[in-house]
Every structure is written in C-alpha cells, then in structure tokens.
Amino acid sequence: MKNEKSPLTALLSLAAIAGNILFTLWILYNIINEGFQGTTIKKFFYVTLMALLTVYAFLLIRNRGLQYKND
C-alpha cells in the first residue's frame, strides 16, 4: 500500500521544520546577545538544545526528501 500524505500532514511537517529552524535561530540570537555569558550548566543546556533541534530539523527535512524521492 502506498504511503499517501494528506495536505494537512504536509503543512504540519513544513510548519515543524520552519518552527525548529526559527527557534534555533532565536536561541542562537539570545546566546550571542548575552555575549556567551552564563553558568556552565546554562551553556551546556544551550548547546544540547541546539544540537537536538538541529538534528530533529535535519531528520524532518531528510524524511520529506525521501518521501518525494519514492513518489
């Protein structure tokens, strides 16, 4: 059975990708605006959150590419 994607699912996927990228840029802006100052724990959580969001956005983009390739 072919995996068909509804327009709503495609829209939500694009919104998730855009939201992740926008949120990553916003966090990066806040880090730069603070001058990379903060406690070690705060810096660790910034880096961890940035890595998770970047990987998640990459996986979503890759998944969309694989779905288009299979169609």
N, C-alpha and C. Protein backbone atom coordinates (compact mmCIF):
# COMPACT_ATOMS: atom_id res chain seq x y z
N MET A 1 0.84 -1.18 0.00
CA MET A 1 0.00 0.00 0.00
C MET A 1 0.89 1.25 0.00
N LYS A 2 0.55 2.17 -0.82
CA LYS A 2 1.34 3.39 -0.97
C LYS A 2 1.07 4.33 0.21
N ASN A 3 2.12 4.91 0.72
CA ASN A 3 2.01 5.84 1.84
C ASN A 3 1.67 7.22 1.28
N GLU A 4 0.40 7.60 1.36
CA GLU A 4 -0.02 8.90 0.84
C GLU A 4 -0.06 9.92 1.96
N LYS A 5 0.34 11.11 1.63
CA LYS A 5 0.41 12.19 2.61
C LYS A 5 -0.69 13.20 2.33
N SER A 6 -1.49 13.49 3.34
CA SER A 6 -2.55 14.47 3.15
C SER A 6 -1.95 15.88 3.14
N PRO A 7 -2.68 16.84 2.59
CA PRO A 7 -2.18 18.23 2.58
C PRO A 7 -1.96 18.77 3.99
N LEU A 8 -2.80 18.35 4.94
CA LEU A 8 -2.63 18.82 6.32
C LEU A 8 -1.33 18.29 6.92
N THR A 9 -1.02 17.03 6.66
CA THR A 9 0.22 16.46 7.16
C THR A 9 1.43 17.15 6.54
N ALA A 10 1.35 17.44 5.26
CA ALA A 10 2.46 18.14 4.60
C ALA A 10 2.63 19.54 5.18
N LEU A 11 1.53 20.22 5.43
CA LEU A 11 1.59 21.57 6.00
C LEU A 11 2.17 21.53 7.42
N LEU A 12 1.74 20.57 8.22
CA LEU A 12 2.26 20.45 9.58
C LEU A 12 3.74 20.10 9.58
N SER A 13 4.16 19.29 8.62
CA SER A 13 5.58 18.95 8.51
C SER A 13 6.41 20.18 8.17
N LEU A 14 5.93 20.98 7.22
CA LEU A 14 6.64 22.22 6.89
C LEU A 14 6.66 23.19 8.06
N ALA A 15 5.54 23.27 8.80
CA ALA A 15 5.47 24.15 9.96
C ALA A 15 6.45 23.69 11.04
N ALA A 16 6.59 22.38 11.23
CA ALA A 16 7.53 21.86 12.22
C ALA A 16 8.96 22.18 11.83
N ILE A 17 9.28 22.03 10.55
CA ILE A 17 10.64 22.35 10.08
C ILE A 17 10.93 23.84 10.26
N ALA A 18 9.99 24.68 9.82
CA ALA A 18 10.18 26.13 9.95
C ALA A 18 10.27 26.54 11.41
N GLY A 19 9.43 25.95 12.26
CA GLY A 19 9.45 26.27 13.68
C GLY A 19 10.77 25.88 14.33
N ASN A 20 11.30 24.72 13.98
CA ASN A 20 12.58 24.29 14.54
C ASN A 20 13.71 25.22 14.12
N ILE A 21 13.72 25.58 12.85
CA ILE A 21 14.78 26.47 12.37
C ILE A 21 14.66 27.84 13.01
N LEU A 22 13.44 28.37 13.10
CA LEU A 22 13.22 29.68 13.71
C LEU A 22 13.60 29.67 15.20
N PHE A 23 13.20 28.61 15.91
CA PHE A 23 13.52 28.51 17.33
C PHE A 23 15.02 28.38 17.54
N THR A 24 15.70 27.63 16.68
CA THR A 24 17.16 27.51 16.76
C THR A 24 17.83 28.85 16.55
N LEU A 25 17.37 29.61 15.57
CA LEU A 25 17.94 30.94 15.32
C LEU A 25 17.67 31.89 16.48
N TRP A 26 16.48 31.78 17.09
CA TRP A 26 16.14 32.63 18.23
C TRP A 26 17.04 32.33 19.43
N ILE A 27 17.27 31.05 19.70
CA ILE A 27 18.17 30.67 20.79
C ILE A 27 19.59 31.16 20.50
N LEU A 28 20.03 30.99 19.26
CA LEU A 28 21.36 31.45 18.89
C LEU A 28 21.48 32.97 19.07
N TYR A 29 20.45 33.71 18.69
CA TYR A 29 20.44 35.17 18.88
C TYR A 29 20.56 35.51 20.36
N ASN A 30 19.81 34.82 21.21
CA ASN A 30 19.88 35.09 22.65
C ASN A 30 21.26 34.79 23.22
N ILE A 31 21.89 33.73 22.74
CA ILE A 31 23.23 33.40 23.21
C ILE A 31 24.22 34.50 22.80
N ILE A 32 24.13 34.94 21.56
CA ILE A 32 25.03 35.99 21.07
C ILE A 32 24.75 37.30 21.79
N ASN A 33 23.47 37.60 22.02
CA ASN A 33 23.08 38.85 22.68
C ASN A 33 23.60 38.90 24.12
N GLU A 34 23.68 37.75 24.78
CA GLU A 34 24.21 37.71 26.15
C GLU A 34 25.73 37.70 26.17
N GLY A 35 26.34 37.65 25.02
CA GLY A 35 27.80 37.64 24.97
C GLY A 35 28.39 36.32 25.42
N PHE A 36 27.66 35.24 25.20
CA PHE A 36 28.10 33.90 25.58
C PHE A 36 28.42 33.80 27.06
N GLN A 37 27.71 34.60 27.87
CA GLN A 37 27.92 34.54 29.31
C GLN A 37 26.83 33.69 29.94
N GLY A 38 27.13 33.14 31.06
CA GLY A 38 26.16 32.32 31.79
C GLY A 38 26.90 31.23 32.54
N THR A 39 26.15 30.50 33.33
CA THR A 39 26.76 29.42 34.09
C THR A 39 27.11 28.28 33.14
N THR A 40 27.94 27.39 33.62
CA THR A 40 28.34 26.23 32.81
C THR A 40 27.13 25.37 32.47
N ILE A 41 26.22 25.22 33.42
CA ILE A 41 25.02 24.41 33.19
C ILE A 41 24.15 25.06 32.10
N LYS A 42 24.00 26.37 32.15
CA LYS A 42 23.20 27.07 31.15
C LYS A 42 23.81 26.92 29.77
N LYS A 43 25.12 27.03 29.65
CA LYS A 43 25.80 26.85 28.38
C LYS A 43 25.62 25.42 27.87
N PHE A 44 25.72 24.46 28.78
CA PHE A 44 25.54 23.05 28.40
C PHE A 44 24.14 22.82 27.84
N PHE A 45 23.12 23.37 28.51
CA PHE A 45 21.76 23.19 28.03
C PHE A 45 21.51 23.91 26.70
N TYR A 46 22.11 25.06 26.51
CA TYR A 46 22.01 25.75 25.22
C TYR A 46 22.57 24.87 24.10
N VAL A 47 23.76 24.35 24.31
CA VAL A 47 24.41 23.52 23.28
C VAL A 47 23.60 22.26 23.03
N THR A 48 23.12 21.62 24.09
CA THR A 48 22.34 20.40 23.95
C THR A 48 21.03 20.66 23.21
N LEU A 49 20.33 21.72 23.58
CA LEU A 49 19.07 22.05 22.92
C LEU A 49 19.30 22.40 21.45
N MET A 50 20.35 23.14 21.17
CA MET A 50 20.65 23.49 19.78
C MET A 50 20.95 22.23 18.97
N ALA A 51 21.70 21.30 19.54
CA ALA A 51 22.03 20.07 18.83
C ALA A 51 20.78 19.24 18.57
N LEU A 52 19.92 19.10 19.57
CA LEU A 52 18.70 18.32 19.39
C LEU A 52 17.78 18.93 18.34
N LEU A 53 17.59 20.24 18.38
CA LEU A 53 16.73 20.88 17.40
C LEU A 53 17.30 20.80 15.99
N THR A 54 18.61 20.93 15.88
CA THR A 54 19.25 20.84 14.57
C THR A 54 19.12 19.43 14.00
N VAL A 55 19.34 18.42 14.82
CA VAL A 55 19.21 17.04 14.36
C VAL A 55 17.76 16.74 13.98
N TYR A 56 16.82 17.22 14.79
CA TYR A 56 15.41 16.98 14.50
C TYR A 56 14.99 17.64 13.19
N ALA A 57 15.42 18.87 12.97
CA ALA A 57 15.11 19.55 11.71
C ALA A 57 15.74 18.81 10.53
N PHE A 58 16.97 18.35 10.69
CA PHE A 58 17.65 17.61 9.63
C PHE A 58 16.89 16.32 9.31
N LEU A 59 16.45 15.60 10.35
CA LEU A 59 15.70 14.36 10.12
C LEU A 59 14.37 14.62 9.43
N LEU A 60 13.69 15.69 9.81
CA LEU A 60 12.43 16.02 9.14
C LEU A 60 12.64 16.37 7.67
N ILE A 61 13.68 17.14 7.39
CA ILE A 61 13.98 17.52 6.01
C ILE A 61 14.36 16.28 5.20
N ARG A 62 15.18 15.42 5.79
CA ARG A 62 15.60 14.20 5.10
C ARG A 62 14.40 13.28 4.83
N ASN A 63 13.49 13.18 5.80
CA ASN A 63 12.30 12.35 5.64
C ASN A 63 11.42 12.87 4.51
N ARG A 64 11.28 14.19 4.43
CA ARG A 64 10.49 14.79 3.34
C ARG A 64 11.15 14.50 2.00
N GLY A 65 12.45 14.57 1.95
CA GLY A 65 13.17 14.29 0.71
C GLY A 65 13.01 12.84 0.27
N LEU A 66 13.06 11.91 1.23
CA LEU A 66 12.87 10.50 0.90
C LEU A 66 11.45 10.23 0.43
N GLN A 67 10.47 10.92 0.99
CA GLN A 67 9.09 10.71 0.56
C GLN A 67 8.88 11.21 -0.86
N TYR A 68 9.49 12.35 -1.20
CA TYR A 68 9.37 12.86 -2.56
C TYR A 68 10.10 11.97 -3.55
N LYS A 69 11.23 11.40 -3.11
CA LYS A 69 12.02 10.53 -3.98
C LYS A 69 11.25 9.25 -4.30
N ASN A 70 10.49 8.73 -3.33
CA ASN A 70 9.74 7.49 -3.52
C ASN A 70 8.48 7.68 -4.34
N ASP A 71 8.02 8.92 -4.49
CA ASP A 71 6.77 9.17 -5.26
C ASP A 71 6.99 9.15 -6.74
